[in-house]
Amino acid sequence: MKNEPLYLAFLVYFNRDRDYFECHEVMEELWLAQESDPLYKGLLQIAVGLFHFRYGNVIGARKMLLSAVERLKPYPIDSLGIDLGKLRSEAALYAAKLEAYEQSPFAHYDLTIDIINPELREAVEQASAHIPPNIPQRRRPMRGPKHEQRHQ
């Protein structure tokens, strides 16, 4: 599963582009294809949480990140070739900071998914060359050529 094209695209959009909307789009597709596996939903929720906070929805961001952390707890720290333990910890810290946002506001910042499997890292680098960034990044669903390409 580590080199599944949708998973590779998710990692490219998350780490290279910080395009959390597109992360949601590709991971939702993969999550549904994987019979709603909670591991994929947890990764999807981290991207959604970061997207929400980027656009000012503090409450929605906190809820998504907390849900993601809970959903990802049962999985080994090296699941899917990434440092899931680090990502889980960083998402929990982010959610805690959002809990105190009114008293201690802070600017949005990105998280990075550390790829620990060398084969996966290479596959992501190769995929990155073929995945153009979305400029401008989308803020709501749109069906267009990129969506159609994925379904061919």
N, C-alpha and C. Protein backbone atom coordinates (compact mmCIF):
# COMPACT_ATOMS: atom_id res chain seq x y z
N MET A 1 0.82 -1.20 0.00
CA MET A 1 0.00 0.00 0.00
C MET A 1 0.86 1.26 0.00
N LYS A 2 2.10 1.15 0.46
CA LYS A 2 2.92 2.34 0.60
C LYS A 2 3.13 3.10 -0.70
N ASN A 3 3.13 2.40 -1.83
CA ASN A 3 3.39 3.08 -3.11
C ASN A 3 2.11 3.26 -3.94
N GLU A 4 0.97 3.21 -3.30
CA GLU A 4 -0.30 3.45 -3.97
C GLU A 4 -0.29 4.89 -4.47
N PRO A 5 -0.65 5.13 -5.73
CA PRO A 5 -0.58 6.48 -6.30
C PRO A 5 -1.32 7.57 -5.49
N LEU A 6 -2.48 7.25 -4.94
CA LEU A 6 -3.19 8.26 -4.15
C LEU A 6 -2.44 8.59 -2.85
N TYR A 7 -1.82 7.58 -2.26
CA TYR A 7 -1.03 7.82 -1.05
C TYR A 7 0.19 8.67 -1.37
N LEU A 8 0.85 8.38 -2.47
CA LEU A 8 2.00 9.18 -2.89
C LEU A 8 1.56 10.62 -3.14
N ALA A 9 0.43 10.80 -3.82
CA ALA A 9 -0.07 12.16 -4.08
C ALA A 9 -0.38 12.88 -2.77
N PHE A 10 -0.97 12.17 -1.81
CA PHE A 10 -1.26 12.77 -0.51
C PHE A 10 0.03 13.30 0.13
N LEU A 11 1.07 12.49 0.11
CA LEU A 11 2.34 12.90 0.72
C LEU A 11 2.97 14.08 -0.02
N VAL A 12 2.85 14.10 -1.33
CA VAL A 12 3.37 15.23 -2.11
C VAL A 12 2.60 16.50 -1.76
N TYR A 13 1.29 16.44 -1.78
CA TYR A 13 0.48 17.62 -1.47
C TYR A 13 0.69 18.09 -0.03
N PHE A 14 0.88 17.16 0.88
CA PHE A 14 1.05 17.52 2.29
C PHE A 14 2.42 18.16 2.52
N ASN A 15 3.47 17.51 2.08
CA ASN A 15 4.83 17.98 2.40
C ASN A 15 5.37 19.04 1.44
N ARG A 16 5.17 18.86 0.17
CA ARG A 16 5.73 19.80 -0.81
C ARG A 16 4.87 21.06 -0.94
N ASP A 17 3.57 20.86 -1.13
CA ASP A 17 2.69 21.98 -1.46
C ASP A 17 1.95 22.57 -0.27
N ARG A 18 1.84 21.80 0.82
CA ARG A 18 1.05 22.24 1.97
C ARG A 18 -0.39 22.53 1.53
N ASP A 19 -0.85 21.75 0.56
CA ASP A 19 -2.18 21.90 -0.02
C ASP A 19 -3.11 20.91 0.67
N TYR A 20 -3.63 21.33 1.82
CA TYR A 20 -4.41 20.43 2.65
C TYR A 20 -5.78 20.12 2.06
N PHE A 21 -6.29 21.00 1.23
CA PHE A 21 -7.55 20.70 0.56
C PHE A 21 -7.35 19.52 -0.40
N GLU A 22 -6.31 19.60 -1.20
CA GLU A 22 -6.05 18.50 -2.15
C GLU A 22 -5.69 17.22 -1.41
N CYS A 23 -5.02 17.35 -0.27
CA CYS A 23 -4.76 16.17 0.57
C CYS A 23 -6.07 15.48 0.92
N HIS A 24 -7.03 16.29 1.32
CA HIS A 24 -8.34 15.75 1.66
C HIS A 24 -8.95 15.01 0.48
N GLU A 25 -8.88 15.64 -0.69
CA GLU A 25 -9.48 15.04 -1.88
C GLU A 25 -8.88 13.66 -2.18
N VAL A 26 -7.56 13.57 -2.24
CA VAL A 26 -6.94 12.29 -2.62
C VAL A 26 -7.04 11.26 -1.50
N MET A 27 -6.91 11.71 -0.24
CA MET A 27 -6.98 10.74 0.86
C MET A 27 -8.40 10.23 1.05
N GLU A 28 -9.39 11.06 0.82
CA GLU A 28 -10.77 10.58 0.93
C GLU A 28 -11.02 9.48 -0.10
N GLU A 29 -10.50 9.68 -1.28
CA GLU A 29 -10.66 8.67 -2.33
C GLU A 29 -9.98 7.35 -1.92
N LEU A 30 -8.79 7.46 -1.35
CA LEU A 30 -8.06 6.26 -0.90
C LEU A 30 -8.77 5.63 0.29
N TRP A 31 -9.22 6.45 1.23
CA TRP A 31 -9.92 5.95 2.41
C TRP A 31 -11.15 5.13 2.00
N LEU A 32 -11.91 5.64 1.05
CA LEU A 32 -13.09 4.92 0.59
C LEU A 32 -12.70 3.62 -0.12
N ALA A 33 -11.63 3.66 -0.89
CA ALA A 33 -11.16 2.46 -1.58
C ALA A 33 -10.65 1.41 -0.59
N GLN A 34 -10.19 1.86 0.57
CA GLN A 34 -9.68 0.95 1.60
C GLN A 34 -10.76 0.60 2.64
N GLU A 35 -12.01 0.67 2.21
CA GLU A 35 -13.15 0.29 3.04
C GLU A 35 -13.19 1.06 4.36
N SER A 36 -12.93 2.37 4.26
CA SER A 36 -13.01 3.30 5.39
C SER A 36 -12.06 2.94 6.53
N ASP A 37 -10.86 2.53 6.19
CA ASP A 37 -9.82 2.20 7.17
C ASP A 37 -9.54 3.41 8.05
N PRO A 38 -9.65 3.28 9.37
CA PRO A 38 -9.43 4.42 10.27
C PRO A 38 -8.04 5.06 10.17
N LEU A 39 -7.03 4.30 9.78
CA LEU A 39 -5.69 4.86 9.62
C LEU A 39 -5.70 5.97 8.58
N TYR A 40 -6.33 5.72 7.45
CA TYR A 40 -6.40 6.71 6.39
C TYR A 40 -7.29 7.89 6.79
N LYS A 41 -8.36 7.59 7.52
CA LYS A 41 -9.22 8.68 7.97
C LYS A 41 -8.47 9.60 8.93
N GLY A 42 -7.63 9.04 9.80
CA GLY A 42 -6.84 9.85 10.71
C GLY A 42 -5.90 10.78 9.97
N LEU A 43 -5.24 10.27 8.93
CA LEU A 43 -4.35 11.12 8.13
C LEU A 43 -5.16 12.21 7.43
N LEU A 44 -6.30 11.82 6.90
CA LEU A 44 -7.18 12.79 6.24
C LEU A 44 -7.58 13.90 7.23
N GLN A 45 -7.90 13.52 8.47
CA GLN A 45 -8.35 14.50 9.46
C GLN A 45 -7.24 15.48 9.85
N ILE A 46 -6.00 15.03 9.84
CA ILE A 46 -4.91 15.97 10.14
C ILE A 46 -4.85 17.04 9.06
N ALA A 47 -4.95 16.62 7.81
CA ALA A 47 -4.95 17.60 6.71
C ALA A 47 -6.14 18.55 6.83
N VAL A 48 -7.31 18.02 7.14
CA VAL A 48 -8.50 18.85 7.27
C VAL A 48 -8.35 19.83 8.44
N GLY A 49 -7.79 19.37 9.54
CA GLY A 49 -7.57 20.24 10.68
C GLY A 49 -6.65 21.40 10.34
N LEU A 50 -5.57 21.12 9.63
CA LEU A 50 -4.64 22.18 9.22
C LEU A 50 -5.31 23.14 8.24
N PHE A 51 -6.12 22.60 7.35
CA PHE A 51 -6.87 23.44 6.41
C PHE A 51 -7.80 24.39 7.16
N HIS A 52 -8.55 23.84 8.12
CA HIS A 52 -9.48 24.66 8.88
C HIS A 52 -8.76 25.80 9.60
N PHE A 53 -7.65 25.49 10.25
CA PHE A 53 -6.97 26.54 11.00
C PHE A 53 -6.37 27.59 10.05
N ARG A 54 -5.87 27.15 8.92
CA ARG A 54 -5.32 28.11 7.94
C ARG A 54 -6.36 29.17 7.57
N TYR A 55 -7.62 28.76 7.50
CA TYR A 55 -8.67 29.69 7.11
C TYR A 55 -9.50 30.19 8.28
N GLY A 56 -8.94 30.09 9.50
CA GLY A 56 -9.53 30.75 10.66
C GLY A 56 -10.56 29.97 11.47
N ASN A 57 -10.79 28.72 11.14
CA ASN A 57 -11.77 27.91 11.88
C ASN A 57 -11.04 27.16 13.00
N VAL A 58 -10.83 27.85 14.11
CA VAL A 58 -10.07 27.29 15.23
C VAL A 58 -10.79 26.09 15.84
N ILE A 59 -12.08 26.21 16.05
CA ILE A 59 -12.84 25.12 16.69
C ILE A 59 -12.85 23.87 15.80
N GLY A 60 -13.12 24.06 14.51
CA GLY A 60 -13.12 22.93 13.58
C GLY A 60 -11.75 22.27 13.48
N ALA A 61 -10.70 23.09 13.48
CA ALA A 61 -9.33 22.56 13.42
C ALA A 61 -9.03 21.71 14.64
N ARG A 62 -9.36 22.22 15.81
CA ARG A 62 -9.09 21.48 17.05
C ARG A 62 -9.84 20.16 17.07
N LYS A 63 -11.11 20.19 16.69
CA LYS A 63 -11.91 18.96 16.68
C LYS A 63 -11.32 17.92 15.73
N MET A 64 -10.93 18.36 14.54
CA MET A 64 -10.36 17.43 13.56
C MET A 64 -9.04 16.82 14.06
N LEU A 65 -8.18 17.68 14.62
CA LEU A 65 -6.88 17.18 15.09
C LEU A 65 -7.05 16.23 16.27
N LEU A 66 -7.94 16.56 17.19
CA LEU A 66 -8.19 15.65 18.33
C LEU A 66 -8.73 14.32 17.85
N SER A 67 -9.66 14.36 16.92
CA SER A 67 -10.23 13.13 16.37
C SER A 67 -9.15 12.30 15.67
N ALA A 68 -8.29 12.98 14.92
CA ALA A 68 -7.20 12.29 14.22
C ALA A 68 -6.27 11.59 15.20
N VAL A 69 -5.89 12.28 16.25
CA VAL A 69 -4.97 11.72 17.23
C VAL A 69 -5.58 10.45 17.84
N GLU A 70 -6.85 10.52 18.22
CA GLU A 70 -7.52 9.35 18.80
C GLU A 70 -7.59 8.20 17.80
N ARG A 71 -7.92 8.53 16.57
CA ARG A 71 -8.07 7.51 15.53
C ARG A 71 -6.73 6.83 15.20
N LEU A 72 -5.64 7.58 15.32
CA LEU A 72 -4.32 7.04 14.96
C LEU A 72 -3.61 6.33 16.11
N LYS A 73 -4.13 6.44 17.33
CA LYS A 73 -3.46 5.84 18.51
C LYS A 73 -3.16 4.35 18.39
N PRO A 74 -4.06 3.55 17.86
CA PRO A 74 -3.79 2.10 17.86
C PRO A 74 -2.70 1.65 16.88
N TYR A 75 -2.25 2.51 16.00
CA TYR A 75 -1.36 2.07 14.93
C TYR A 75 0.11 2.20 15.34
N PRO A 76 0.95 1.29 14.84
CA PRO A 76 2.39 1.37 15.13
C PRO A 76 2.99 2.69 14.65
N ILE A 77 4.03 3.13 15.31
CA ILE A 77 4.61 4.45 15.03
C ILE A 77 5.23 4.54 13.63
N ASP A 78 5.48 3.40 13.00
CA ASP A 78 6.08 3.41 11.66
C ASP A 78 5.11 2.95 10.58
N SER A 79 3.84 3.06 10.84
CA SER A 79 2.82 2.63 9.86
C SER A 79 2.96 3.36 8.54
N LEU A 80 2.71 2.65 7.47
CA LEU A 80 2.68 3.19 6.10
C LEU A 80 4.00 3.85 5.68
N GLY A 81 5.09 3.50 6.33
CA GLY A 81 6.39 4.03 5.92
C GLY A 81 6.66 5.45 6.38
N ILE A 82 5.83 5.96 7.30
CA ILE A 82 6.01 7.32 7.81
C ILE A 82 6.24 7.27 9.32
N ASP A 83 6.72 8.37 9.87
CA ASP A 83 6.88 8.46 11.32
C ASP A 83 5.53 8.90 11.90
N LEU A 84 4.64 7.92 12.02
CA LEU A 84 3.29 8.19 12.50
C LEU A 84 3.30 8.66 13.95
N GLY A 85 4.23 8.13 14.74
CA GLY A 85 4.33 8.55 16.13
C GLY A 85 4.62 10.03 16.26
N LYS A 86 5.55 10.53 15.47
CA LYS A 86 5.88 11.96 15.50
C LYS A 86 4.70 12.80 15.02
N LEU A 87 4.08 12.38 13.94
CA LEU A 87 2.93 13.12 13.40
C LEU A 87 1.80 13.17 14.43
N ARG A 88 1.55 12.04 15.08
CA ARG A 88 0.50 11.97 16.10
C ARG A 88 0.82 12.94 17.25
N SER A 89 2.06 12.93 17.71
CA SER A 89 2.47 13.83 18.80
C SER A 89 2.34 15.29 18.40
N GLU A 90 2.77 15.62 17.20
CA GLU A 90 2.69 17.00 16.73
C GLU A 90 1.24 17.45 16.57
N ALA A 91 0.38 16.55 16.10
CA ALA A 91 -1.04 16.89 15.96
C ALA A 91 -1.68 17.09 17.34
N ALA A 92 -1.29 16.29 18.32
CA ALA A 92 -1.81 16.45 19.68
C ALA A 92 -1.37 17.78 20.27
N LEU A 93 -0.12 18.15 20.06
CA LEU A 93 0.39 19.43 20.55
C LEU A 93 -0.35 20.59 19.88
N TYR A 94 -0.55 20.48 18.58
CA TYR A 94 -1.27 21.51 17.83
C TYR A 94 -2.68 21.68 18.41
N ALA A 95 -3.37 20.56 18.65
CA ALA A 95 -4.73 20.62 19.20
C ALA A 95 -4.73 21.27 20.58
N ALA A 96 -3.72 20.96 21.40
CA ALA A 96 -3.62 21.57 22.73
C ALA A 96 -3.41 23.08 22.62
N LYS A 97 -2.58 23.50 21.67
CA LYS A 97 -2.37 24.93 21.47
C LYS A 97 -3.65 25.61 20.99
N LEU A 98 -4.41 24.91 20.15
CA LEU A 98 -5.68 25.47 19.68
C LEU A 98 -6.69 25.58 20.82
N GLU A 99 -6.62 24.67 21.78
CA GLU A 99 -7.50 24.72 22.95
C GLU A 99 -7.30 26.03 23.71
N ALA A 100 -6.06 26.52 23.74
CA ALA A 100 -5.72 27.75 24.46
C ALA A 100 -5.60 28.95 23.53
N TYR A 101 -6.13 28.84 22.33
CA TYR A 101 -5.93 29.87 21.30
C TYR A 101 -6.42 31.25 21.73
N GLU A 102 -7.55 31.33 22.39
CA GLU A 102 -8.06 32.65 22.80
C GLU A 102 -7.10 33.35 23.75
N GLN A 103 -6.49 32.60 24.65
CA GLN A 103 -5.54 33.19 25.60
C GLN A 103 -4.16 33.38 24.98
N SER A 104 -3.79 32.49 24.08
CA SER A 104 -2.45 32.53 23.47
C SER A 104 -2.54 32.29 21.96
N PRO A 105 -3.00 33.30 21.22
CA PRO A 105 -3.12 33.11 19.77
C PRO A 105 -1.75 32.92 19.11
N PHE A 106 -1.75 32.23 18.01
CA PHE A 106 -0.53 31.97 17.26
C PHE A 106 -0.88 31.85 15.79
N ALA A 107 0.12 32.02 14.96
CA ALA A 107 -0.08 31.92 13.51
C ALA A 107 -0.13 30.45 13.09
N HIS A 108 -0.86 30.21 12.02
CA HIS A 108 -0.89 28.86 11.43
C HIS A 108 0.54 28.44 11.10
N TYR A 109 0.84 27.18 11.34
CA TYR A 109 2.10 26.62 10.88
C TYR A 109 1.83 25.23 10.33
N ASP A 110 2.70 24.79 9.45
CA ASP A 110 2.52 23.51 8.79
C ASP A 110 3.19 22.40 9.57
N LEU A 111 2.72 21.20 9.37
CA LEU A 111 3.38 20.00 9.86
C LEU A 111 4.00 19.29 8.67
N THR A 112 4.99 18.48 8.94
CA THR A 112 5.63 17.68 7.90
C THR A 112 5.52 16.21 8.27
N ILE A 113 5.15 15.40 7.31
CA ILE A 113 5.11 13.96 7.52
C ILE A 113 6.49 13.41 7.16
N ASP A 114 7.20 12.92 8.16
CA ASP A 114 8.53 12.35 7.92
C ASP A 114 8.38 10.96 7.30
N ILE A 115 8.98 10.80 6.14
CA ILE A 115 8.94 9.53 5.43
C ILE A 115 10.17 8.74 5.85
N ILE A 116 9.96 7.62 6.52
CA ILE A 116 11.08 6.87 7.09
C ILE A 116 11.47 5.65 6.25
N ASN A 117 10.61 5.24 5.34
CA ASN A 117 10.91 4.11 4.47
C ASN A 117 11.62 4.63 3.22
N PRO A 118 12.86 4.19 2.96
CA PRO A 118 13.61 4.71 1.81
C PRO A 118 12.92 4.48 0.46
N GLU A 119 12.28 3.34 0.29
CA GLU A 119 11.58 3.07 -0.97
C GLU A 119 10.40 4.03 -1.15
N LEU A 120 9.69 4.28 -0.07
CA LEU A 120 8.58 5.22 -0.13
C LEU A 120 9.09 6.63 -0.42
N ARG A 121 10.18 7.02 0.23
CA ARG A 121 10.75 8.35 0.00
C ARG A 121 11.09 8.53 -1.48
N GLU A 122 11.71 7.52 -2.07
CA GLU A 122 12.06 7.57 -3.50
C GLU A 122 10.81 7.63 -4.37
N ALA A 123 9.80 6.84 -4.03
CA ALA A 123 8.56 6.85 -4.81
C ALA A 123 7.88 8.21 -4.74
N VAL A 124 7.90 8.87 -3.57
CA VAL A 124 7.30 10.19 -3.43
C VAL A 124 8.08 11.20 -4.26
N GLU A 125 9.40 11.12 -4.24
CA GLU A 125 10.21 12.03 -5.06
C GLU A 125 9.90 11.86 -6.54
N GLN A 126 9.76 10.63 -6.98
CA GLN A 126 9.43 10.37 -8.39
C GLN A 126 8.03 10.88 -8.72
N ALA A 127 7.07 10.62 -7.84
CA ALA A 127 5.69 11.07 -8.06
C ALA A 127 5.63 12.59 -8.10
N SER A 128 6.42 13.23 -7.28
CA SER A 128 6.42 14.69 -7.19
C SER A 128 6.72 15.35 -8.53
N ALA A 129 7.55 14.70 -9.32
CA ALA A 129 7.91 15.25 -10.63
C ALA A 129 6.72 15.26 -11.60
N HIS A 130 5.72 14.44 -11.31
CA HIS A 130 4.56 14.30 -12.21
C HIS A 130 3.27 14.89 -11.64
N ILE A 131 3.36 15.47 -10.47
CA ILE A 131 2.17 16.05 -9.83
C ILE A 131 2.36 17.57 -9.76
N PRO A 132 1.67 18.29 -10.65
CA PRO A 132 1.81 19.75 -10.61
C PRO A 132 1.10 20.34 -9.39
N PRO A 133 1.65 21.39 -8.81
CA PRO A 133 0.96 22.04 -7.70
C PRO A 133 -0.30 22.75 -8.19
N ASN A 134 -1.25 22.88 -7.31
CA ASN A 134 -2.48 23.63 -7.62
C ASN A 134 -2.23 25.10 -7.30
N ILE A 135 -2.21 25.91 -8.32
CA ILE A 135 -2.02 27.35 -8.12
C ILE A 135 -3.17 28.05 -8.81
N PRO A 136 -4.02 28.75 -8.09
CA PRO A 136 -4.02 28.85 -6.63
C PRO A 136 -4.59 27.59 -6.00
N GLN A 137 -4.32 27.42 -4.71
CA GLN A 137 -4.90 26.28 -4.00
C GLN A 137 -6.39 26.49 -3.84
N ARG A 138 -7.12 25.39 -3.90
CA ARG A 138 -8.58 25.47 -3.79
C ARG A 138 -9.02 25.59 -2.34
N ARG A 139 -10.17 26.21 -2.16
CA ARG A 139 -10.74 26.33 -0.83
C ARG A 139 -12.08 25.61 -0.72
N ARG A 140 -12.57 25.05 -1.83
CA ARG A 140 -13.83 24.31 -1.80
C ARG A 140 -13.82 23.31 -2.97
N PRO A 141 -14.69 22.31 -2.91
CA PRO A 141 -14.69 21.29 -3.96
C PRO A 141 -14.98 21.86 -5.35
N MET A 142 -14.26 21.35 -6.30
CA MET A 142 -14.48 21.68 -7.72
C MET A 142 -14.18 20.41 -8.50
N ARG A 143 -14.98 20.14 -9.44
CA ARG A 143 -14.72 18.98 -10.30
C ARG A 143 -14.17 19.51 -11.62
N GLY A 144 -13.03 19.02 -12.00
CA GLY A 144 -12.41 19.50 -13.22
C GLY A 144 -11.50 18.46 -13.82
N PRO A 145 -10.58 18.90 -14.67
CA PRO A 145 -9.71 17.97 -15.39
C PRO A 145 -8.88 17.08 -14.47
N LYS A 146 -8.38 17.63 -13.35
CA LYS A 146 -7.55 16.82 -12.46
C LYS A 146 -8.36 15.68 -11.86
N HIS A 147 -9.59 15.97 -11.46
CA HIS A 147 -10.48 14.95 -10.93
C HIS A 147 -10.76 13.89 -12.00
N GLU A 148 -11.04 14.35 -13.20
CA GLU A 148 -11.34 13.41 -14.28
C GLU A 148 -10.14 12.52 -14.59
N GLN A 149 -8.93 13.07 -14.55
CA GLN A 149 -7.72 12.28 -14.82
C GLN A 149 -7.58 11.14 -13.81
N ARG A 150 -7.92 11.42 -12.56
CA ARG A 150 -7.78 10.40 -11.53
C ARG A 150 -8.73 9.24 -11.75
N HIS A 151 -9.83 9.47 -12.45
CA HIS A 151 -10.83 8.42 -12.64
C HIS A 151 -10.72 7.73 -13.99
N GLN A 152 -9.65 7.94 -14.69
CA GLN A 152 -9.47 7.28 -15.98
C GLN A 152 -8.74 5.97 -15.81
